[in-house]
Amino acid sequence: MKSYQLRQLTYNEAVNRASDVEEELSNLRFQLATRKELGNHRRIRQMKREIAQLKTILHEHQLGLRKLALGFQPQEPEENSSETTGKKEDQNRQGNQ
């Protein structure tokens, strides 16, 4: 798949696609190791490249650099900002006294 096609996938589709491609790569490597007829040796290279593209796209999404298509996306734990500001205020008050 082209990278623009991979970017059109939802988060779940991209994760599933990555695991499917990794499994297929594992099968191709096994065929190569057992000296079975491997129809297209270039397919191994293509699989590695697609895995790298998918991992890059998922990482960009997690960092917020680029967004994937709409769909289910993992939620990050939210920090309670009032607790952290309260601690800083308490420290400032104690230091000023």
PDB file of N, CA and C in Angstrom:
ATOM      1  N   MET A   1       0.833  -1.181   0.000  1.00  0.00           N
ATOM      2  CA  MET A   1       0.000   0.000   0.000  1.00  0.00           C
ATOM      3  C   MET A   1       0.880   1.247   0.000  1.00  0.00           C
ATOM      4  N   LYS A   2       0.387   2.273  -0.608  1.00  0.00           N
ATOM      5  CA  LYS A   2       1.061   3.560  -0.604  1.00  0.00           C
ATOM      6  C   LYS A   2       0.830   4.247   0.744  1.00  0.00           C
ATOM      7  N   SER A   3       1.724   5.148   1.115  1.00  0.00           N
ATOM      8  CA  SER A   3       1.603   5.775   2.434  1.00  0.00           C
ATOM      9  C   SER A   3       0.342   6.627   2.542  1.00  0.00           C
ATOM     10  N   TYR A   4      -0.083   7.263   1.456  1.00  0.00           N
ATOM     11  CA  TYR A   4      -1.313   8.056   1.536  1.00  0.00           C
ATOM     12  C   TYR A   4      -2.520   7.151   1.768  1.00  0.00           C
ATOM     13  N   GLN A   5      -2.459   5.906   1.274  1.00  0.00           N
ATOM     14  CA  GLN A   5      -3.545   4.957   1.529  1.00  0.00           C
ATOM     15  C   GLN A   5      -3.524   4.498   2.985  1.00  0.00           C
ATOM     16  N   LEU A   6      -2.315   4.315   3.531  1.00  0.00           N
ATOM     17  CA  LEU A   6      -2.200   3.892   4.922  1.00  0.00           C
ATOM     18  C   LEU A   6      -2.703   4.987   5.861  1.00  0.00           C
ATOM     19  N   ARG A   7      -2.489   6.245   5.508  1.00  0.00           N
ATOM     20  CA  ARG A   7      -2.935   7.347   6.353  1.00  0.00           C
ATOM     21  C   ARG A   7      -4.464   7.496   6.353  1.00  0.00           C
ATOM     22  N   GLN A   8      -5.138   6.902   5.393  1.00  0.00           N
ATOM     23  CA  GLN A   8      -6.591   6.972   5.345  1.00  0.00           C
ATOM     24  C   GLN A   8      -7.253   5.922   6.241  1.00  0.00           C
ATOM     25  N   LEU A   9      -6.448   5.014   6.802  1.00  0.00           N
ATOM     26  CA  LEU A   9      -6.984   3.986   7.691  1.00  0.00           C
ATOM     27  C   LEU A   9      -7.307   4.591   9.050  1.00  0.00           C
ATOM     28  N   THR A  10      -8.255   3.976   9.761  1.00  0.00           N
ATOM     29  CA  THR A  10      -8.502   4.382  11.140  1.00  0.00           C
ATOM     30  C   THR A  10      -7.409   3.777  12.004  1.00  0.00           C
ATOM     31  N   TYR A  11      -7.372   4.187  13.264  1.00  0.00           N
ATOM     32  CA  TYR A  11      -6.340   3.698  14.178  1.00  0.00           C
ATOM     33  C   TYR A  11      -6.397   2.167  14.295  1.00  0.00           C
ATOM     34  N   ASN A  12      -7.594   1.632  14.528  1.00  0.00           N
ATOM     35  CA  ASN A  12      -7.733   0.172  14.677  1.00  0.00           C
ATOM     36  C   ASN A  12      -7.344  -0.558  13.399  1.00  0.00           C
ATOM     37  N   GLU A  13      -7.746  -0.033  12.259  1.00  0.00           N
ATOM     38  CA  GLU A  13      -7.391  -0.659  10.990  1.00  0.00           C
ATOM     39  C   GLU A  13      -5.875  -0.666  10.792  1.00  0.00           C
ATOM     40  N   ALA A  14      -5.218   0.421  11.163  1.00  0.00           N
ATOM     41  CA  ALA A  14      -3.771   0.498  11.011  1.00  0.00           C
ATOM     42  C   ALA A  14      -3.061  -0.497  11.929  1.00  0.00           C
ATOM     43  N   VAL A  15      -3.538  -0.619  13.159  1.00  0.00           N
ATOM     44  CA  VAL A  15      -2.940  -1.577  14.100  1.00  0.00           C
ATOM     45  C   VAL A  15      -3.152  -3.003  13.598  1.00  0.00           C
ATOM     46  N   ASN A  16      -4.361  -3.307  13.144  1.00  0.00           N
ATOM     47  CA  ASN A  16      -4.650  -4.645  12.620  1.00  0.00           C
ATOM     48  C   ASN A  16      -3.834  -4.941  11.370  1.00  0.00           C
ATOM     49  N   ARG A  17      -3.699  -3.955  10.507  1.00  0.00           N
ATOM     50  CA  ARG A  17      -2.913  -4.123   9.278  1.00  0.00           C
ATOM     51  C   ARG A  17      -1.444  -4.409   9.614  1.00  0.00           C
ATOM     52  N   ALA A  18      -0.914  -3.696  10.618  1.00  0.00           N
ATOM     53  CA  ALA A  18       0.480  -3.909  11.019  1.00  0.00           C
ATOM     54  C   ALA A  18       0.682  -5.326  11.538  1.00  0.00           C
ATOM     55  N   SER A  19      -0.233  -5.828  12.347  1.00  0.00           N
ATOM     56  CA  SER A  19      -0.078  -7.183  12.874  1.00  0.00           C
ATOM     57  C   SER A  19      -0.236  -8.228  11.764  1.00  0.00           C
ATOM     58  N   ASP A  20      -1.127  -7.982  10.808  1.00  0.00           N
ATOM     59  CA  ASP A  20      -1.290  -8.905   9.691  1.00  0.00           C
ATOM     60  C   ASP A  20      -0.037  -8.963   8.823  1.00  0.00           C
ATOM     61  N   VAL A  21       0.554  -7.807   8.561  1.00  0.00           N
ATOM     62  CA  VAL A  21       1.742  -7.746   7.719  1.00  0.00           C
ATOM     63  C   VAL A  21       2.928  -8.396   8.436  1.00  0.00           C
ATOM     64  N   GLU A  22       3.042  -8.182   9.762  1.00  0.00           N
ATOM     65  CA  GLU A  22       4.116  -8.821  10.522  1.00  0.00           C
ATOM     66  C   GLU A  22       3.978 -10.340  10.498  1.00  0.00           C
ATOM     67  N   GLU A  23       2.746 -10.818  10.589  1.00  0.00           N
ATOM     68  CA  GLU A  23       2.506 -12.263  10.533  1.00  0.00           C
ATOM     69  C   GLU A  23       2.865 -12.813   9.155  1.00  0.00           C
ATOM     70  N   GLU A  24       2.485 -12.101   8.114  1.00  0.00           N
ATOM     71  CA  GLU A  24       2.816 -12.537   6.758  1.00  0.00           C
ATOM     72  C   GLU A  24       4.329 -12.531   6.528  1.00  0.00           C
ATOM     73  N   LEU A  25       5.021 -11.537   7.062  1.00  0.00           N
ATOM     74  CA  LEU A  25       6.474 -11.480   6.956  1.00  0.00           C
ATOM     75  C   LEU A  25       7.107 -12.672   7.671  1.00  0.00           C
ATOM     76  N   SER A  26       6.569 -13.015   8.817  1.00  0.00           N
ATOM     77  CA  SER A  26       7.072 -14.175   9.557  1.00  0.00           C
ATOM     78  C   SER A  26       6.908 -15.452   8.736  1.00  0.00           C
ATOM     79  N   ASN A  27       5.770 -15.589   8.087  1.00  0.00           N
ATOM     80  CA  ASN A  27       5.536 -16.767   7.246  1.00  0.00           C
ATOM     81  C   ASN A  27       6.499 -16.810   6.061  1.00  0.00           C
ATOM     82  N   LEU A  28       6.745 -15.668   5.446  1.00  0.00           N
ATOM     83  CA  LEU A  28       7.681 -15.618   4.319  1.00  0.00           C
ATOM     84  C   LEU A  28       9.099 -15.969   4.768  1.00  0.00           C
ATOM     85  N   ARG A  29       9.504 -15.460   5.920  1.00  0.00           N
ATOM     86  CA  ARG A  29      10.834 -15.795   6.442  1.00  0.00           C
ATOM     87  C   ARG A  29      10.951 -17.281   6.746  1.00  0.00           C
ATOM     88  N   PHE A  30       9.869 -17.864   7.265  1.00  0.00           N
ATOM     89  CA  PHE A  30       9.875 -19.299   7.539  1.00  0.00           C
ATOM     90  C   PHE A  30      10.015 -20.098   6.251  1.00  0.00           C
ATOM     91  N   GLN A  31       9.290 -19.698   5.220  1.00  0.00           N
ATOM     92  CA  GLN A  31       9.399 -20.373   3.923  1.00  0.00           C
ATOM     93  C   GLN A  31      10.817 -20.270   3.378  1.00  0.00           C
ATOM     94  N   LEU A  32      11.431 -19.117   3.546  1.00  0.00           N
ATOM     95  CA  LEU A  32      12.793 -18.920   3.065  1.00  0.00           C
ATOM     96  C   LEU A  32      13.775 -19.794   3.843  1.00  0.00           C
ATOM     97  N   ALA A  33      13.581 -19.901   5.157  1.00  0.00           N
ATOM     98  CA  ALA A  33      14.483 -20.678   6.002  1.00  0.00           C
ATOM     99  C   ALA A  33      14.356 -22.175   5.731  1.00  0.00           C
ATOM    100  N   THR A  34      13.160 -22.639   5.420  1.00  0.00           N
ATOM    101  CA  THR A  34      12.952 -24.065   5.171  1.00  0.00           C
ATOM    102  C   THR A  34      13.168 -24.433   3.713  1.00  0.00           C
ATOM    103  N   ARG A  35      13.642 -23.454   2.947  1.00  0.00           N
ATOM    104  CA  ARG A  35      13.971 -23.642   1.535  1.00  0.00           C
ATOM    105  C   ARG A  35      12.777 -24.061   0.686  1.00  0.00           C
ATOM    106  N   LYS A  36      11.601 -23.639   1.121  1.00  0.00           N
ATOM    107  CA  LYS A  36      10.425 -23.850   0.285  1.00  0.00           C
ATOM    108  C   LYS A  36      10.467 -22.826  -0.841  1.00  0.00           C
ATOM    109  N   GLU A  37       9.715 -23.108  -1.867  1.00  0.00           N
ATOM    110  CA  GLU A  37       9.674 -22.209  -3.018  1.00  0.00           C
ATOM    111  C   GLU A  37       9.054 -20.880  -2.594  1.00  0.00           C
ATOM    112  N   LEU A  38       9.841 -19.827  -2.691  1.00  0.00           N
ATOM    113  CA  LEU A  38       9.372 -18.492  -2.382  1.00  0.00           C
ATOM    114  C   LEU A  38       9.185 -17.779  -3.706  1.00  0.00           C
ATOM    115  N   GLY A  39       7.942 -17.545  -4.076  1.00  0.00           N
ATOM    116  CA  GLY A  39       7.644 -17.003  -5.388  1.00  0.00           C
ATOM    117  C   GLY A  39       8.280 -15.655  -5.673  1.00  0.00           C
ATOM    118  N   ASN A  40       8.272 -14.766  -4.705  1.00  0.00           N
ATOM    119  CA  ASN A  40       8.745 -13.417  -4.939  1.00  0.00           C
ATOM    120  C   ASN A  40       9.588 -12.979  -3.739  1.00  0.00           C
ATOM    121  N   HIS A  41      10.898 -12.957  -3.901  1.00  0.00           N
ATOM    122  CA  HIS A  41      11.787 -12.562  -2.810  1.00  0.00           C
ATOM    123  C   HIS A  41      11.637 -11.090  -2.464  1.00  0.00           C
ATOM    124  N   ARG A  42      11.214 -10.299  -3.409  1.00  0.00           N
ATOM    125  CA  ARG A  42      11.030  -8.871  -3.174  1.00  0.00           C
ATOM    126  C   ARG A  42       9.889  -8.620  -2.192  1.00  0.00           C
ATOM    127  N   ARG A  43       8.995  -9.580  -2.069  1.00  0.00           N
ATOM    128  CA  ARG A  43       7.848  -9.414  -1.169  1.00  0.00           C
ATOM    129  C   ARG A  43       8.312  -9.204   0.280  1.00  0.00           C
ATOM    130  N   ILE A  44       9.418  -9.824   0.678  1.00  0.00           N
ATOM    131  CA  ILE A  44       9.940  -9.646   2.033  1.00  0.00           C
ATOM    132  C   ILE A  44      10.310  -8.179   2.251  1.00  0.00           C
ATOM    133  N   ARG A  45      10.979  -7.599   1.285  1.00  0.00           N
ATOM    134  CA  ARG A  45      11.367  -6.195   1.380  1.00  0.00           C
ATOM    135  C   ARG A  45      10.133  -5.292   1.443  1.00  0.00           C
ATOM    136  N   GLN A  46       9.135  -5.595   0.643  1.00  0.00           N
ATOM    137  CA  GLN A  46       7.912  -4.798   0.640  1.00  0.00           C
ATOM    138  C   GLN A  46       7.201  -4.868   1.995  1.00  0.00           C
ATOM    139  N   MET A  47       7.200  -6.058   2.600  1.00  0.00           N
ATOM    140  CA  MET A  47       6.560  -6.240   3.908  1.00  0.00           C
ATOM    141  C   MET A  47       7.274  -5.414   4.977  1.00  0.00           C
ATOM    142  N   LYS A  48       8.602  -5.471   4.976  1.00  0.00           N
ATOM    143  CA  LYS A  48       9.376  -4.704   5.954  1.00  0.00           C
ATOM    144  C   LYS A  48       9.092  -3.208   5.813  1.00  0.00           C
ATOM    145  N   ARG A  49       9.016  -2.759   4.586  1.00  0.00           N
ATOM    146  CA  ARG A  49       8.767  -1.343   4.332  1.00  0.00           C
ATOM    147  C   ARG A  49       7.380  -0.936   4.809  1.00  0.00           C
ATOM    148  N   GLU A  50       6.394  -1.764   4.551  1.00  0.00           N
ATOM    149  CA  GLU A  50       5.034  -1.434   4.966  1.00  0.00           C
ATOM    150  C   GLU A  50       4.915  -1.414   6.490  1.00  0.00           C
ATOM    151  N   ILE A  51       5.593  -2.338   7.167  1.00  0.00           N
ATOM    152  CA  ILE A  51       5.583  -2.347   8.628  1.00  0.00           C
ATOM    153  C   ILE A  51       6.188  -1.050   9.156  1.00  0.00           C
ATOM    154  N   ALA A  52       7.310  -0.636   8.584  1.00  0.00           N
ATOM    155  CA  ALA A  52       7.965   0.602   9.014  1.00  0.00           C
ATOM    156  C   ALA A  52       7.052   1.804   8.777  1.00  0.00           C
ATOM    157  N   GLN A  53       6.368   1.839   7.642  1.00  0.00           N
ATOM    158  CA  GLN A  53       5.458   2.943   7.346  1.00  0.00           C
ATOM    159  C   GLN A  53       4.307   2.982   8.354  1.00  0.00           C
ATOM    160  N   LEU A  54       3.736   1.812   8.649  1.00  0.00           N
ATOM    161  CA  LEU A  54       2.624   1.760   9.591  1.00  0.00           C
ATOM    162  C   LEU A  54       3.059   2.195  10.984  1.00  0.00           C
ATOM    163  N   LYS A  55       4.223   1.735  11.420  1.00  0.00           N
ATOM    164  CA  LYS A  55       4.705   2.123  12.746  1.00  0.00           C
ATOM    165  C   LYS A  55       4.976   3.621  12.807  1.00  0.00           C
ATOM    166  N   THR A  56       5.501   4.177  11.736  1.00  0.00           N
ATOM    167  CA  THR A  56       5.751   5.619  11.695  1.00  0.00           C
ATOM    168  C   THR A  56       4.444   6.397  11.752  1.00  0.00           C
ATOM    169  N   ILE A  57       3.464   5.970  10.995  1.00  0.00           N
ATOM    170  CA  ILE A  57       2.169   6.642  10.968  1.00  0.00           C
ATOM    171  C   ILE A  57       1.490   6.565  12.337  1.00  0.00           C
ATOM    172  N   LEU A  58       1.544   5.401  12.984  1.00  0.00           N
ATOM    173  CA  LEU A  58       0.946   5.254  14.308  1.00  0.00           C
ATOM    174  C   LEU A  58       1.665   6.122  15.336  1.00  0.00           C
ATOM    175  N   HIS A  59       2.985   6.194  15.241  1.00  0.00           N
ATOM    176  CA  HIS A  59       3.752   7.012  16.178  1.00  0.00           C
ATOM    177  C   HIS A  59       3.460   8.501  15.966  1.00  0.00           C
ATOM    178  N   GLU A  60       3.368   8.920  14.721  1.00  0.00           N
ATOM    179  CA  GLU A  60       3.012  10.319  14.431  1.00  0.00           C
ATOM    180  C   GLU A  60       1.648  10.654  15.007  1.00  0.00           C
ATOM    181  N   HIS A  61       0.730   9.700  14.914  1.00  0.00           N
ATOM    182  CA  HIS A  61      -0.619   9.913  15.431  1.00  0.00           C
ATOM    183  C   HIS A  61      -0.582  10.051  16.952  1.00  0.00           C
ATOM    184  N   GLN A  62       0.200   9.202  17.608  1.00  0.00           N
ATOM    185  CA  GLN A  62       0.285   9.250  19.062  1.00  0.00           C
ATOM    186  C   GLN A  62       0.926  10.550  19.543  1.00  0.00           C
ATOM    187  N   LEU A  63       1.871  11.071  18.778  1.00  0.00           N
ATOM    188  CA  LEU A  63       2.516  12.329  19.143  1.00  0.00           C
ATOM    189  C   LEU A  63       1.669  13.541  18.786  1.00  0.00           C
ATOM    190  N   GLY A  64       0.650  13.329  17.971  1.00  0.00           N
ATOM    191  CA  GLY A  64      -0.221  14.422  17.563  1.00  0.00           C
ATOM    192  C   GLY A  64       0.300  15.192  16.366  1.00  0.00           C
ATOM    193  N   LEU A  65       1.295  14.656  15.676  1.00  0.00           N
ATOM    194  CA  LEU A  65       1.840  15.343  14.509  1.00  0.00           C
ATOM    195  C   LEU A  65       0.894  15.255  13.317  1.00  0.00           C
ATOM    196  N   ARG A  66       0.302  14.093  13.143  1.00  0.00           N
ATOM    197  CA  ARG A  66      -0.681  13.876  12.078  1.00  0.00           C
ATOM    198  C   ARG A  66      -1.786  13.004  12.637  1.00  0.00           C
ATOM    199  N   LYS A  67      -2.962  13.223  12.155  1.00  0.00           N
ATOM    200  CA  LYS A  67      -4.109  12.448  12.620  1.00  0.00           C
ATOM    201  C   LYS A  67      -4.499  11.417  11.571  1.00  0.00           C
ATOM    202  N   LEU A  68      -4.982  10.295  12.054  1.00  0.00           N
ATOM    203  CA  LEU A  68      -5.509   9.266  11.161  1.00  0.00           C
ATOM    204  C   LEU A  68      -6.972   9.572  10.884  1.00  0.00           C
ATOM    205  N   ALA A  69      -7.567   8.758  10.039  1.00  0.00           N
ATOM    206  CA  ALA A  69      -8.983   8.936   9.717  1.00  0.00           C
ATOM    207  C   ALA A  69      -9.811   8.773  10.986  1.00  0.00           C
ATOM    208  N   LEU A  70     -11.021   9.307  10.957  1.00  0.00           N
ATOM    209  CA  LEU A  70     -11.887   9.220  12.124  1.00  0.00           C
ATOM    210  C   LEU A  70     -12.236   7.774  12.415  1.00  0.00           C
ATOM    211  N   GLY A  71     -12.380   7.473  13.651  1.00  0.00           N
ATOM    212  CA  GLY A  71     -12.682   6.131  14.109  1.00  0.00           C
ATOM    213  C   GLY A  71     -12.242   6.026  15.550  1.00  0.00           C
ATOM    214  N   PHE A  72     -12.249   4.833  16.092  1.00  0.00           N
ATOM    215  CA  PHE A  72     -11.816   4.649  17.474  1.00  0.00           C
ATOM    216  C   PHE A  72     -10.341   4.993  17.598  1.00  0.00           C
ATOM    217  N   GLN A  73     -10.022   5.766  18.616  1.00  0.00           N
ATOM    218  CA  GLN A  73      -8.638   6.138  18.871  1.00  0.00           C
ATOM    219  C   GLN A  73      -8.369   5.934  20.350  1.00  0.00           C
ATOM    220  N   PRO A  74      -7.185   5.497  20.713  1.00  0.00           N
ATOM    221  CA  PRO A  74      -6.907   5.262  22.128  1.00  0.00           C
ATOM    222  C   PRO A  74      -6.933   6.568  22.905  1.00  0.00           C
ATOM    223  N   GLN A  75      -7.459   6.493  24.113  1.00  0.00           N
ATOM    224  CA  GLN A  75      -7.517   7.690  24.938  1.00  0.00           C
ATOM    225  C   GLN A  75      -6.331   7.702  25.877  1.00  0.00           C
ATOM    226  N   GLU A  76      -5.711   8.842  25.982  1.00  0.00           N
ATOM    227  CA  GLU A  76      -4.587   8.988  26.875  1.00  0.00           C
ATOM    228  C   GLU A  76      -5.104   9.387  28.242  1.00  0.00           C
ATOM    229  N   PRO A  77      -4.442   8.941  29.309  1.00  0.00           N
ATOM    230  CA  PRO A  77      -4.909   9.324  30.643  1.00  0.00           C
ATOM    231  C   PRO A  77      -4.757  10.826  30.841  1.00  0.00           C
ATOM    232  N   GLU A  78      -5.800  11.426  31.382  1.00  0.00           N
ATOM    233  CA  GLU A  78      -5.787  12.871  31.590  1.00  0.00           C
ATOM    234  C   GLU A  78      -5.222  13.173  32.971  1.00  0.00           C
ATOM    235  N   GLU A  79      -4.399  14.196  33.038  1.00  0.00           N
ATOM    236  CA  GLU A  79      -3.850  14.623  34.312  1.00  0.00           C
ATOM    237  C   GLU A  79      -4.787  15.647  34.918  1.00  0.00           C
ATOM    238  N   ASN A  80      -4.941  15.574  36.213  1.00  0.00           N
ATOM    239  CA  ASN A  80      -5.792  16.542  36.895  1.00  0.00           C
ATOM    240  C   ASN A  80      -4.961  17.781  37.162  1.00  0.00           C
ATOM    241  N   SER A  81      -5.191  18.811  36.378  1.00  0.00           N
ATOM    242  CA  SER A  81      -4.374  20.012  36.447  1.00  0.00           C
ATOM    243  C   SER A  81      -4.576  20.767  37.762  1.00  0.00           C
ATOM    244  N   SER A  82      -5.737  20.656  38.396  1.00  0.00           N
ATOM    245  CA  SER A  82      -5.979  21.388  39.635  1.00  0.00           C
ATOM    246  C   SER A  82      -5.102  20.867  40.763  1.00  0.00           C
ATOM    247  N   GLU A  83      -4.807  19.576  40.770  1.00  0.00           N
ATOM    248  CA  GLU A  83      -3.962  19.014  41.809  1.00  0.00           C
ATOM    249  C   GLU A  83      -2.535  19.520  41.675  1.00  0.00           C
ATOM    250  N   THR A  84      -2.007  19.583  40.468  1.00  0.00           N
ATOM    251  CA  THR A  84      -0.625  20.006  40.293  1.00  0.00           C
ATOM    252  C   THR A  84      -0.472  21.493  40.580  1.00  0.00           C
ATOM    253  N   THR A  85      -1.439  22.310  40.188  1.00  0.00           N
ATOM    254  CA  THR A  85      -1.331  23.741  40.471  1.00  0.00           C
ATOM    255  C   THR A  85      -1.496  23.998  41.958  1.00  0.00           C
ATOM    256  N   GLY A  86      -2.322  23.209  42.625  1.00  0.00           N
ATOM    257  CA  GLY A  86      -2.503  23.365  44.062  1.00  0.00           C
ATOM    258  C   GLY A  86      -1.222  23.090  44.818  1.00  0.00           C
ATOM    259  N   LYS A  87      -0.476  22.107  44.422  1.00  0.00           N
ATOM    260  CA  LYS A  87       0.784  21.788  45.085  1.00  0.00           C
ATOM    261  C   LYS A  87       1.787  22.914  44.904  1.00  0.00           C
ATOM    262  N   LYS A  88       1.846  23.479  43.709  1.00  0.00           N
ATOM    263  CA  LYS A  88       2.777  24.579  43.451  1.00  0.00           C
ATOM    264  C   LYS A  88       2.406  25.798  44.278  1.00  0.00           C
ATOM    265  N   GLU A  89       1.119  26.075  44.394  1.00  0.00           N
ATOM    266  CA  GLU A  89       0.678  27.216  45.184  1.00  0.00           C
ATOM    267  C   GLU A  89       1.038  27.031  46.644  1.00  0.00           C
ATOM    268  N   ASP A  90       0.874  25.799  47.167  1.00  0.00           N
ATOM    269  CA  ASP A  90       1.225  25.513  48.546  1.00  0.00           C
ATOM    270  C   ASP A  90       2.719  25.705  48.774  1.00  0.00           C
ATOM    271  N   GLN A  91       3.536  25.261  47.822  1.00  0.00           N
ATOM    272  CA  GLN A  91       4.975  25.411  47.951  1.00  0.00           C
ATOM    273  C   GLN A  91       5.372  26.875  47.922  1.00  0.00           C
ATOM    274  N   ASN A  92       4.721  27.651  47.062  1.00  0.00           N
ATOM    275  CA  ASN A  92       5.014  29.083  46.986  1.00  0.00           C
ATOM    276  C   ASN A  92       4.625  29.791  48.275  1.00  0.00           C
ATOM    277  N   ARG A  93       3.502  29.414  48.869  1.00  0.00           N
ATOM    278  CA  ARG A  93       3.061  30.028  50.117  1.00  0.00           C
ATOM    279  C   ARG A  93       4.036  29.733  51.246  1.00  0.00           C
ATOM    280  N   GLN A  94       4.515  28.478  51.298  1.00  0.00           N
ATOM    281  CA  GLN A  94       5.441  28.109  52.363  1.00  0.00           C
ATOM    282  C   GLN A  94       6.770  28.815  52.178  1.00  0.00           C
ATOM    283  N   GLY A  95       7.213  29.001  50.958  1.00  0.00           N
ATOM    284  CA  GLY A  95       8.480  29.670  50.698  1.00  0.00           C
ATOM    285  C   GLY A  95       8.437  31.151  50.993  1.00  0.00           C
ATOM    286  N   ASN A  96       7.259  31.771  50.839  1.00  0.00           N
ATOM    287  CA  ASN A  96       7.105  33.199  51.064  1.00  0.00           C
ATOM    288  C   ASN A  96       6.966  33.544  52.544  1.00  0.00           C
ATOM    289  N   GLN A  97       6.609  32.584  53.353  1.00  0.00           N
ATOM    290  CA  GLN A  97       6.390  32.868  54.781  1.00  0.00           C
ATOM    291  C   GLN A  97       7.661  32.907  55.563  1.00  0.00           C
TER     292      GLN A  97
END
